[in-house]
Amino acid sequence: MAALHLDEKNFEAEVVNATQPVLVDFWAEWCGPCKMIAPIIEQLSVELQGKMKIAKVNVDESPQLAGEFNVMSIPTLLIFKGGKPVDQIVGAMPKDRLLAKLNPHL
């Protein structure tokens, strides 16, 4: 299953109303580090299926969502629980480091 693509229309339904934790990757097409982390995000969407929802927000297409969550640099990964952001990861990193940051939220 690929990461879910979010925008203003489906953000509330998919993130705010989610019953499981949600990792949201704020990214852009022109961002080098975003491209580096993209394959990891896609792998996690398969590996964490049923434990955590994985989603992406293109900041160029949904600038108001990026603004709402004070996303200043990308990639920014926000972890939501109960509809609220509980953790933030900024920048690309290897999969093992990313998993170490996600595990406490699973």
PDB file of N, CA and C in Angstrom:
ATOM      1  N   MET A   1       0.840  -1.197   0.000  1.00  0.00           N
ATOM      2  CA  MET A   1       0.000   0.000   0.000  1.00  0.00           C
ATOM      3  C   MET A   1       0.871   1.242   0.000  1.00  0.00           C
ATOM      4  N   ALA A   2       0.628   2.145  -0.898  1.00  0.00           N
ATOM      5  CA  ALA A   2       1.425   3.367  -0.975  1.00  0.00           C
ATOM      6  C   ALA A   2       0.956   4.358   0.084  1.00  0.00           C
ATOM      7  N   ALA A   3       1.834   5.296   0.394  1.00  0.00           N
ATOM      8  CA  ALA A   3       1.467   6.347   1.334  1.00  0.00           C
ATOM      9  C   ALA A   3       0.276   7.122   0.779  1.00  0.00           C
ATOM     10  N   LEU A   4      -0.588   7.521   1.665  1.00  0.00           N
ATOM     11  CA  LEU A   4      -1.803   8.242   1.323  1.00  0.00           C
ATOM     12  C   LEU A   4      -1.460   9.694   0.999  1.00  0.00           C
ATOM     13  N   HIS A   5      -2.024  10.237  -0.065  1.00  0.00           N
ATOM     14  CA  HIS A   5      -1.776  11.642  -0.395  1.00  0.00           C
ATOM     15  C   HIS A   5      -2.882  12.500   0.205  1.00  0.00           C
ATOM     16  N   LEU A   6      -2.465  13.470   1.020  1.00  0.00           N
ATOM     17  CA  LEU A   6      -3.413  14.309   1.745  1.00  0.00           C
ATOM     18  C   LEU A   6      -3.476  15.712   1.162  1.00  0.00           C
ATOM     19  N   ASP A   7      -4.647  16.338   1.324  1.00  0.00           N
ATOM     20  CA  ASP A   7      -4.806  17.751   1.044  1.00  0.00           C
ATOM     21  C   ASP A   7      -5.861  18.272   2.022  1.00  0.00           C
ATOM     22  N   GLU A   8      -6.285  19.501   1.831  1.00  0.00           N
ATOM     23  CA  GLU A   8      -7.251  20.093   2.765  1.00  0.00           C
ATOM     24  C   GLU A   8      -8.555  19.299   2.809  1.00  0.00           C
ATOM     25  N   LYS A   9      -8.923  18.677   1.694  1.00  0.00           N
ATOM     26  CA  LYS A   9     -10.215  17.982   1.614  1.00  0.00           C
ATOM     27  C   LYS A   9     -10.258  16.713   2.470  1.00  0.00           C
ATOM     28  N   ASN A  10      -9.148  15.954   2.513  1.00  0.00           N
ATOM     29  CA  ASN A  10      -9.206  14.670   3.221  1.00  0.00           C
ATOM     30  C   ASN A  10      -8.371  14.641   4.502  1.00  0.00           C
ATOM     31  N   PHE A  11      -7.717  15.745   4.852  1.00  0.00           N
ATOM     32  CA  PHE A  11      -6.830  15.746   6.026  1.00  0.00           C
ATOM     33  C   PHE A  11      -7.589  15.402   7.308  1.00  0.00           C
ATOM     34  N   GLU A  12      -8.710  16.045   7.510  1.00  0.00           N
ATOM     35  CA  GLU A  12      -9.455  15.791   8.758  1.00  0.00           C
ATOM     36  C   GLU A  12      -9.909  14.343   8.852  1.00  0.00           C
ATOM     37  N   ALA A  13     -10.477  13.823   7.774  1.00  0.00           N
ATOM     38  CA  ALA A  13     -10.973  12.441   7.785  1.00  0.00           C
ATOM     39  C   ALA A  13      -9.843  11.439   8.002  1.00  0.00           C
ATOM     40  N   GLU A  14      -8.697  11.661   7.344  1.00  0.00           N
ATOM     41  CA  GLU A  14      -7.616  10.677   7.371  1.00  0.00           C
ATOM     42  C   GLU A  14      -6.678  10.829   8.570  1.00  0.00           C
ATOM     43  N   VAL A  15      -6.525  12.043   9.099  1.00  0.00           N
ATOM     44  CA  VAL A  15      -5.563  12.275  10.183  1.00  0.00           C
ATOM     45  C   VAL A  15      -6.260  12.600  11.498  1.00  0.00           C
ATOM     46  N   VAL A  16      -7.066  13.655  11.493  1.00  0.00           N
ATOM     47  CA  VAL A  16      -7.707  14.103  12.740  1.00  0.00           C
ATOM     48  C   VAL A  16      -8.627  13.021  13.296  1.00  0.00           C
ATOM     49  N   ASN A  17      -9.355  12.329  12.412  1.00  0.00           N
ATOM     50  CA  ASN A  17     -10.313  11.312  12.860  1.00  0.00           C
ATOM     51  C   ASN A  17      -9.734   9.900  12.844  1.00  0.00           C
ATOM     52  N   ALA A  18      -8.438   9.748  12.633  1.00  0.00           N
ATOM     53  CA  ALA A  18      -7.818   8.415  12.553  1.00  0.00           C
ATOM     54  C   ALA A  18      -7.836   7.729  13.912  1.00  0.00           C
ATOM     55  N   THR A  19      -8.014   6.409  13.880  1.00  0.00           N
ATOM     56  CA  THR A  19      -8.017   5.640  15.124  1.00  0.00           C
ATOM     57  C   THR A  19      -6.620   5.145  15.485  1.00  0.00           C
ATOM     58  N   GLN A  20      -5.685   5.197  14.536  1.00  0.00           N
ATOM     59  CA  GLN A  20      -4.312   4.771  14.812  1.00  0.00           C
ATOM     60  C   GLN A  20      -3.379   5.965  14.605  1.00  0.00           C
ATOM     61  N   PRO A  21      -2.138   5.868  15.082  1.00  0.00           N
ATOM     62  CA  PRO A  21      -1.195   6.969  14.850  1.00  0.00           C
ATOM     63  C   PRO A  21      -0.994   7.192  13.348  1.00  0.00           C
ATOM     64  N   VAL A  22      -0.693   8.448  12.981  1.00  0.00           N
ATOM     65  CA  VAL A  22      -0.488   8.803  11.579  1.00  0.00           C
ATOM     66  C   VAL A  22       0.836   9.545  11.447  1.00  0.00           C
ATOM     67  N   LEU A  23       1.674   9.090  10.517  1.00  0.00           N
ATOM     68  CA  LEU A  23       2.897   9.809  10.164  1.00  0.00           C
ATOM     69  C   LEU A  23       2.594  10.606   8.905  1.00  0.00           C
ATOM     70  N   VAL A  24       2.756  11.931   8.974  1.00  0.00           N
ATOM     71  CA  VAL A  24       2.510  12.787   7.814  1.00  0.00           C
ATOM     72  C   VAL A  24       3.838  13.394   7.370  1.00  0.00           C
ATOM     73  N   ASP A  25       4.198  13.112   6.128  1.00  0.00           N
ATOM     74  CA  ASP A  25       5.422  13.619   5.506  1.00  0.00           C
ATOM     75  C   ASP A  25       5.068  14.875   4.712  1.00  0.00           C
ATOM     76  N   PHE A  26       5.549  16.036   5.181  1.00  0.00           N
ATOM     77  CA  PHE A  26       5.384  17.281   4.435  1.00  0.00           C
ATOM     78  C   PHE A  26       6.583  17.400   3.500  1.00  0.00           C
ATOM     79  N   TRP A  27       6.330  17.462   2.189  1.00  0.00           N
ATOM     80  CA  TRP A  27       7.393  17.380   1.187  1.00  0.00           C
ATOM     81  C   TRP A  27       7.066  18.285  -0.006  1.00  0.00           C
ATOM     82  N   ALA A  28       8.034  18.361  -0.945  1.00  0.00           N
ATOM     83  CA  ALA A  28       7.807  19.061  -2.214  1.00  0.00           C
ATOM     84  C   ALA A  28       8.626  18.378  -3.302  1.00  0.00           C
ATOM     85  N   GLU A  29       8.160  18.515  -4.534  1.00  0.00           N
ATOM     86  CA  GLU A  29       8.796  17.894  -5.698  1.00  0.00           C
ATOM     87  C   GLU A  29      10.249  18.336  -5.871  1.00  0.00           C
ATOM     88  N   TRP A  30      10.548  19.594  -5.566  1.00  0.00           N
ATOM     89  CA  TRP A  30      11.870  20.182  -5.818  1.00  0.00           C
ATOM     90  C   TRP A  30      12.863  19.950  -4.675  1.00  0.00           C
ATOM     91  N   CYS A  31      12.439  19.267  -3.629  1.00  0.00           N
ATOM     92  CA  CYS A  31      13.252  19.115  -2.410  1.00  0.00           C
ATOM     93  C   CYS A  31      14.108  17.848  -2.482  1.00  0.00           C
ATOM     94  N   GLY A  32      15.433  18.014  -2.529  1.00  0.00           N
ATOM     95  CA  GLY A  32      16.350  16.873  -2.604  1.00  0.00           C
ATOM     96  C   GLY A  32      16.217  15.893  -1.447  1.00  0.00           C
ATOM     97  N   PRO A  33      16.313  16.370  -0.190  1.00  0.00           N
ATOM     98  CA  PRO A  33      16.164  15.450   0.946  1.00  0.00           C
ATOM     99  C   PRO A  33      14.803  14.741   0.970  1.00  0.00           C
ATOM    100  N   CYS A  34      13.766  15.410   0.453  1.00  0.00           N
ATOM    101  CA  CYS A  34      12.434  14.768   0.378  1.00  0.00           C
ATOM    102  C   CYS A  34      12.496  13.561  -0.544  1.00  0.00           C
ATOM    103  N   LYS A  35      13.221  13.700  -1.654  1.00  0.00           N
ATOM    104  CA  LYS A  35      13.361  12.586  -2.599  1.00  0.00           C
ATOM    105  C   LYS A  35      14.169  11.447  -1.986  1.00  0.00           C
ATOM    106  N   MET A  36      15.148  11.805  -1.120  1.00  0.00           N
ATOM    107  CA  MET A  36      15.957  10.772  -0.461  1.00  0.00           C
ATOM    108  C   MET A  36      15.107   9.944   0.505  1.00  0.00           C
ATOM    109  N   ILE A  37      14.200  10.590   1.202  1.00  0.00           N
ATOM    110  CA  ILE A  37      13.418   9.887   2.225  1.00  0.00           C
ATOM    111  C   ILE A  37      12.160   9.233   1.649  1.00  0.00           C
ATOM    112  N   ALA A  38      11.740   9.637   0.454  1.00  0.00           N
ATOM    113  CA  ALA A  38      10.491   9.118  -0.146  1.00  0.00           C
ATOM    114  C   ALA A  38      10.431   7.592  -0.220  1.00  0.00           C
ATOM    115  N   PRO A  39      11.496   6.906  -0.684  1.00  0.00           N
ATOM    116  CA  PRO A  39      11.404   5.431  -0.737  1.00  0.00           C
ATOM    117  C   PRO A  39      11.250   4.805   0.651  1.00  0.00           C
ATOM    118  N   ILE A  40      11.839   5.429   1.668  1.00  0.00           N
ATOM    119  CA  ILE A  40      11.721   4.933   3.049  1.00  0.00           C
ATOM    120  C   ILE A  40      10.269   5.084   3.512  1.00  0.00           C
ATOM    121  N   ILE A  41       9.677   6.240   3.204  1.00  0.00           N
ATOM    122  CA  ILE A  41       8.279   6.481   3.578  1.00  0.00           C
ATOM    123  C   ILE A  41       7.380   5.421   2.933  1.00  0.00           C
ATOM    124  N   GLU A  42       7.627   5.118   1.657  1.00  0.00           N
ATOM    125  CA  GLU A  42       6.817   4.112   0.958  1.00  0.00           C
ATOM    126  C   GLU A  42       7.011   2.718   1.589  1.00  0.00           C
ATOM    127  N   GLN A  43       8.262   2.369   1.953  1.00  0.00           N
ATOM    128  CA  GLN A  43       8.521   1.073   2.611  1.00  0.00           C
ATOM    129  C   GLN A  43       7.766   0.994   3.939  1.00  0.00           C
ATOM    130  N   LEU A  44       7.815   2.086   4.705  1.00  0.00           N
ATOM    131  CA  LEU A  44       7.138   2.090   6.003  1.00  0.00           C
ATOM    132  C   LEU A  44       5.625   1.960   5.842  1.00  0.00           C
ATOM    133  N   SER A  45       5.081   2.510   4.752  1.00  0.00           N
ATOM    134  CA  SER A  45       3.629   2.410   4.557  1.00  0.00           C
ATOM    135  C   SER A  45       3.202   0.950   4.410  1.00  0.00           C
ATOM    136  N   VAL A  46       4.109   0.109   3.911  1.00  0.00           N
ATOM    137  CA  VAL A  46       3.833  -1.325   3.792  1.00  0.00           C
ATOM    138  C   VAL A  46       4.126  -2.016   5.118  1.00  0.00           C
ATOM    139  N   GLU A  47       5.311  -1.756   5.686  1.00  0.00           N
ATOM    140  CA  GLU A  47       5.751  -2.466   6.895  1.00  0.00           C
ATOM    141  C   GLU A  47       4.903  -2.143   8.126  1.00  0.00           C
ATOM    142  N   LEU A  48       4.400  -0.923   8.214  1.00  0.00           N
ATOM    143  CA  LEU A  48       3.653  -0.518   9.406  1.00  0.00           C
ATOM    144  C   LEU A  48       2.139  -0.582   9.208  1.00  0.00           C
ATOM    145  N   GLN A  49       1.714  -1.193   8.105  1.00  0.00           N
ATOM    146  CA  GLN A  49       0.289  -1.296   7.811  1.00  0.00           C
ATOM    147  C   GLN A  49      -0.452  -1.937   8.978  1.00  0.00           C
ATOM    148  N   GLY A  50      -1.531  -1.303   9.405  1.00  0.00           N
ATOM    149  CA  GLY A  50      -2.297  -1.808  10.540  1.00  0.00           C
ATOM    150  C   GLY A  50      -1.824  -1.246  11.867  1.00  0.00           C
ATOM    151  N   LYS A  51      -0.597  -0.714  11.910  1.00  0.00           N
ATOM    152  CA  LYS A  51      -0.061  -0.144  13.155  1.00  0.00           C
ATOM    153  C   LYS A  51      -0.028   1.379  13.103  1.00  0.00           C
ATOM    154  N   MET A  52       0.295   1.914  11.915  1.00  0.00           N
ATOM    155  CA  MET A  52       0.416   3.356  11.747  1.00  0.00           C
ATOM    156  C   MET A  52       0.049   3.698  10.312  1.00  0.00           C
ATOM    157  N   LYS A  53      -0.730   4.750  10.147  1.00  0.00           N
ATOM    158  CA  LYS A  53      -1.082   5.218   8.812  1.00  0.00           C
ATOM    159  C   LYS A  53       0.041   6.144   8.335  1.00  0.00           C
ATOM    160  N   ILE A  54       0.455   5.990   7.084  1.00  0.00           N
ATOM    161  CA  ILE A  54       1.527   6.811   6.513  1.00  0.00           C
ATOM    162  C   ILE A  54       0.917   7.682   5.416  1.00  0.00           C
ATOM    163  N   ALA A  55       1.173   8.991   5.506  1.00  0.00           N
ATOM    164  CA  ALA A  55       0.573   9.911   4.547  1.00  0.00           C
ATOM    165  C   ALA A  55       1.566  11.003   4.165  1.00  0.00           C
ATOM    166  N   LYS A  56       1.272  11.682   3.051  1.00  0.00           N
ATOM    167  CA  LYS A  56       2.150  12.733   2.543  1.00  0.00           C
ATOM    168  C   LYS A  56       1.330  13.969   2.195  1.00  0.00           C
ATOM    169  N   VAL A  57       1.925  15.143   2.462  1.00  0.00           N
ATOM    170  CA  VAL A  57       1.316  16.410   2.069  1.00  0.00           C
ATOM    171  C   VAL A  57       2.332  17.161   1.214  1.00  0.00           C
ATOM    172  N   ASN A  58       1.954  17.470  -0.024  1.00  0.00           N
ATOM    173  CA  ASN A  58       2.802  18.280  -0.895  1.00  0.00           C
ATOM    174  C   ASN A  58       2.589  19.736  -0.480  1.00  0.00           C
ATOM    175  N   VAL A  59       3.640  20.387   0.062  1.00  0.00           N
ATOM    176  CA  VAL A  59       3.490  21.741   0.608  1.00  0.00           C
ATOM    177  C   VAL A  59       3.195  22.773  -0.482  1.00  0.00           C
ATOM    178  N   ASP A  60       3.575  22.487  -1.724  1.00  0.00           N
ATOM    179  CA  ASP A  60       3.265  23.416  -2.819  1.00  0.00           C
ATOM    180  C   ASP A  60       1.786  23.360  -3.183  1.00  0.00           C
ATOM    181  N   GLU A  61       1.177  22.170  -3.037  1.00  0.00           N
ATOM    182  CA  GLU A  61      -0.240  22.007  -3.372  1.00  0.00           C
ATOM    183  C   GLU A  61      -1.149  22.336  -2.184  1.00  0.00           C
ATOM    184  N   SER A  62      -0.620  22.213  -0.963  1.00  0.00           N
ATOM    185  CA  SER A  62      -1.428  22.451   0.248  1.00  0.00           C
ATOM    186  C   SER A  62      -0.667  23.354   1.221  1.00  0.00           C
ATOM    187  N   PRO A  63      -0.364  24.591   0.804  1.00  0.00           N
ATOM    188  CA  PRO A  63       0.434  25.471   1.672  1.00  0.00           C
ATOM    189  C   PRO A  63      -0.252  25.810   2.989  1.00  0.00           C
ATOM    190  N   GLN A  64      -1.605  25.834   2.992  1.00  0.00           N
ATOM    191  CA  GLN A  64      -2.271  26.172   4.243  1.00  0.00           C
ATOM    192  C   GLN A  64      -2.105  25.084   5.297  1.00  0.00           C
ATOM    193  N   LEU A  65      -2.029  23.812   4.879  1.00  0.00           N
ATOM    194  CA  LEU A  65      -1.772  22.733   5.851  1.00  0.00           C
ATOM    195  C   LEU A  65      -0.376  22.875   6.429  1.00  0.00           C
ATOM    196  N   ALA A  66       0.595  23.160   5.570  1.00  0.00           N
ATOM    197  CA  ALA A  66       1.968  23.356   6.047  1.00  0.00           C
ATOM    198  C   ALA A  66       2.011  24.517   7.047  1.00  0.00           C
ATOM    199  N   GLY A  67       1.293  25.594   6.727  1.00  0.00           N
ATOM    200  CA  GLY A  67       1.253  26.754   7.622  1.00  0.00           C
ATOM    201  C   GLY A  67       0.572  26.446   8.939  1.00  0.00           C
ATOM    202  N   GLU A  68      -0.492  25.687   8.871  1.00  0.00           N
ATOM    203  CA  GLU A  68      -1.255  25.345  10.078  1.00  0.00           C
ATOM    204  C   GLU A  68      -0.387  24.606  11.095  1.00  0.00           C
ATOM    205  N   PHE A  69       0.548  23.781  10.599  1.00  0.00           N
ATOM    206  CA  PHE A  69       1.401  23.003  11.495  1.00  0.00           C
ATOM    207  C   PHE A  69       2.820  23.557  11.582  1.00  0.00           C
ATOM    208  N   ASN A  70       2.988  24.821  11.177  1.00  0.00           N
ATOM    209  CA  ASN A  70       4.269  25.523  11.296  1.00  0.00           C
ATOM    210  C   ASN A  70       5.424  24.772  10.658  1.00  0.00           C
ATOM    211  N   VAL A  71       5.180  24.195   9.493  1.00  0.00           N
ATOM    212  CA  VAL A  71       6.243  23.500   8.764  1.00  0.00           C
ATOM    213  C   VAL A  71       7.110  24.557   8.083  1.00  0.00           C
ATOM    214  N   MET A  72       8.340  24.704   8.568  1.00  0.00           N
ATOM    215  CA  MET A  72       9.240  25.744   8.064  1.00  0.00           C
ATOM    216  C   MET A  72      10.263  25.197   7.074  1.00  0.00           C
ATOM    217  N   SER A  73      10.670  23.954   7.280  1.00  0.00           N
ATOM    218  CA  SER A  73      11.619  23.339   6.351  1.00  0.00           C
ATOM    219  C   SER A  73      11.115  21.934   6.046  1.00  0.00           C
ATOM    220  N   ILE A  74      11.511  21.434   4.890  1.00  0.00           N
ATOM    221  CA  ILE A  74      11.054  20.107   4.493  1.00  0.00           C
ATOM    222  C   ILE A  74      12.253  19.232   4.159  1.00  0.00           C
ATOM    223  N   PRO A  75      12.169  17.925   4.314  1.00  0.00           N
ATOM    224  CA  PRO A  75      10.980  17.237   4.808  1.00  0.00           C
ATOM    225  C   PRO A  75      10.768  17.435   6.306  1.00  0.00           C
ATOM    226  N   THR A  76       9.520  17.609   6.686  1.00  0.00           N
ATOM    227  CA  THR A  76       9.112  17.583   8.088  1.00  0.00           C
ATOM    228  C   THR A  76       8.115  16.445   8.221  1.00  0.00           C
ATOM    229  N   LEU A  77       8.366  15.561   9.170  1.00  0.00           N
ATOM    230  CA  LEU A  77       7.463  14.447   9.450  1.00  0.00           C
ATOM    231  C   LEU A  77       6.779  14.737  10.784  1.00  0.00           C
ATOM    232  N   LEU A  78       5.472  14.754  10.770  1.00  0.00           N
ATOM    233  CA  LEU A  78       4.715  14.947  12.003  1.00  0.00           C
ATOM    234  C   LEU A  78       4.000  13.652  12.350  1.00  0.00           C
ATOM    235  N   ILE A  79       4.044  13.288  13.628  1.00  0.00           N
ATOM    236  CA  ILE A  79       3.333  12.107  14.102  1.00  0.00           C
ATOM    237  C   ILE A  79       2.098  12.596  14.847  1.00  0.00           C
ATOM    238  N   PHE A  80       0.940  12.136  14.395  1.00  0.00           N
ATOM    239  CA  PHE A  80      -0.339  12.511  14.995  1.00  0.00           C
ATOM    240  C   PHE A  80      -0.897  11.335  15.771  1.00  0.00           C
ATOM    241  N   LYS A  81      -1.432  11.640  16.953  1.00  0.00           N
ATOM    242  CA  LYS A  81      -2.173  10.657  17.753  1.00  0.00           C
ATOM    243  C   LYS A  81      -3.415  11.361  18.260  1.00  0.00           C
ATOM    244  N   GLY A  82      -4.554  10.721  18.104  1.00  0.00           N
ATOM    245  CA  GLY A  82      -5.795  11.350  18.544  1.00  0.00           C
ATOM    246  C   GLY A  82      -6.054  12.672  17.841  1.00  0.00           C
ATOM    247  N   GLY A  83      -5.568  12.791  16.609  1.00  0.00           N
ATOM    248  CA  GLY A  83      -5.814  13.987  15.819  1.00  0.00           C
ATOM    249  C   GLY A  83      -4.896  15.157  16.099  1.00  0.00           C
ATOM    250  N   LYS A  84      -3.953  14.987  17.036  1.00  0.00           N
ATOM    251  CA  LYS A  84      -3.046  16.084  17.404  1.00  0.00           C
ATOM    252  C   LYS A  84      -1.598  15.682  17.122  1.00  0.00           C
ATOM    253  N   PRO A  85      -0.764  16.657  16.689  1.00  0.00           N
ATOM    254  CA  PRO A  85       0.657  16.327  16.495  1.00  0.00           C
ATOM    255  C   PRO A  85       1.331  16.082  17.849  1.00  0.00           C
ATOM    256  N   VAL A  86       2.019  14.944  17.976  1.00  0.00           N
ATOM    257  CA  VAL A  86       2.689  14.599  19.238  1.00  0.00           C
ATOM    258  C   VAL A  86       4.211  14.566  19.100  1.00  0.00           C
ATOM    259  N   ASP A  87       4.701  14.533  17.860  1.00  0.00           N
ATOM    260  CA  ASP A  87       6.153  14.505  17.654  1.00  0.00           C
ATOM    261  C   ASP A  87       6.454  15.047  16.265  1.00  0.00           C
ATOM    262  N   GLN A  88       7.686  15.561  16.114  1.00  0.00           N
ATOM    263  CA  GLN A  88       8.099  16.138  14.839  1.00  0.00           C
ATOM    264  C   GLN A  88       9.523  15.698  14.534  1.00  0.00           C
ATOM    265  N   ILE A  89       9.750  15.335  13.287  1.00  0.00           N
ATOM    266  CA  ILE A  89      11.078  14.935  12.814  1.00  0.00           C
ATOM    267  C   ILE A  89      11.372  15.810  11.598  1.00  0.00           C
ATOM    268  N   VAL A  90      12.498  16.537  11.632  1.00  0.00           N
ATOM    269  CA  VAL A  90      12.836  17.418  10.512  1.00  0.00           C
ATOM    270  C   VAL A  90      14.076  16.880   9.821  1.00  0.00           C
ATOM    271  N   GLY A  91      14.006  16.775   8.491  1.00  0.00           N
ATOM    272  CA  GLY A  91      15.163  16.337   7.712  1.00  0.00           C
ATOM    273  C   GLY A  91      15.113  14.859   7.383  1.00  0.00           C
ATOM    274  N   ALA A  92      15.907  14.499   6.386  1.00  0.00           N
ATOM    275  CA  ALA A  92      15.991  13.101   5.970  1.00  0.00           C
ATOM    276  C   ALA A  92      16.914  12.344   6.911  1.00  0.00           C
ATOM    277  N   MET A  93      16.653  11.064   7.085  1.00  0.00           N
ATOM    278  CA  MET A  93      17.504  10.227   7.931  1.00  0.00           C
ATOM    279  C   MET A  93      17.380   8.784   7.465  1.00  0.00           C
ATOM    280  N   PRO A  94      18.343   7.946   7.856  1.00  0.00           N
ATOM    281  CA  PRO A  94      18.257   6.530   7.480  1.00  0.00           C
ATOM    282  C   PRO A  94      17.021   5.873   8.103  1.00  0.00           C
ATOM    283  N   LYS A  95      16.574   4.801   7.473  1.00  0.00           N
ATOM    284  CA  LYS A  95      15.363   4.107   7.899  1.00  0.00           C
ATOM    285  C   LYS A  95      15.437   3.649   9.356  1.00  0.00           C
ATOM    286  N   ASP A  96      16.581   3.124   9.790  1.00  0.00           N
ATOM    287  CA  ASP A  96      16.668   2.616  11.165  1.00  0.00           C
ATOM    288  C   ASP A  96      16.489   3.738  12.187  1.00  0.00           C
ATOM    289  N   ARG A  97      17.035   4.927  11.907  1.00  0.00           N
ATOM    290  CA  ARG A  97      16.866   6.063  12.833  1.00  0.00           C
ATOM    291  C   ARG A  97      15.417   6.528  12.844  1.00  0.00           C
ATOM    292  N   LEU A  98      14.798   6.536  11.664  1.00  0.00           N
ATOM    293  CA  LEU A  98      13.398   6.943  11.577  1.00  0.00           C
ATOM    294  C   LEU A  98      12.509   5.963  12.343  1.00  0.00           C
ATOM    295  N   LEU A  99      12.746   4.671  12.162  1.00  0.00           N
ATOM    296  CA  LEU A  99      11.965   3.661  12.884  1.00  0.00           C
ATOM    297  C   LEU A  99      12.131   3.802  14.393  1.00  0.00           C
ATOM    298  N   ALA A 100      13.341   4.106  14.833  1.00  0.00           N
ATOM    299  CA  ALA A 100      13.599   4.287  16.271  1.00  0.00           C
ATOM    300  C   ALA A 100      12.754   5.442  16.819  1.00  0.00           C
ATOM    301  N   LYS A 101      12.532   6.470  16.002  1.00  0.00           N
ATOM    302  CA  LYS A 101      11.708   7.599  16.435  1.00  0.00           C
ATOM    303  C   LYS A 101      10.221   7.273  16.385  1.00  0.00           C
ATOM    304  N   LEU A 102       9.828   6.369  15.484  1.00  0.00           N
ATOM    305  CA  LEU A 102       8.415   6.012  15.346  1.00  0.00           C
ATOM    306  C   LEU A 102       7.956   4.985  16.379  1.00  0.00           C
ATOM    307  N   ASN A 103       8.853   4.060  16.744  1.00  0.00           N
ATOM    308  CA  ASN A 103       8.477   2.941  17.610  1.00  0.00           C
ATOM    309  C   ASN A 103       7.743   3.331  18.893  1.00  0.00           C
ATOM    310  N   PRO A 104       8.157   4.389  19.604  1.00  0.00           N
ATOM    311  CA  PRO A 104       7.426   4.728  20.838  1.00  0.00           C
ATOM    312  C   PRO A 104       5.960   5.101  20.589  1.00  0.00           C
ATOM    313  N   HIS A 105       5.621   5.444  19.361  1.00  0.00           N
ATOM    314  CA  HIS A 105       4.256   5.884  19.048  1.00  0.00           C
ATOM    315  C   HIS A 105       3.378   4.758  18.512  1.00  0.00           C
ATOM    316  N   LEU A 106       3.971   3.582  18.298  1.00  0.00           N
ATOM    317  CA  LEU A 106       3.199   2.474  17.709  1.00  0.00           C
ATOM    318  C   LEU A 106       2.390   1.741  18.782  1.00  0.00           C
TER     319      LEU A 106
END
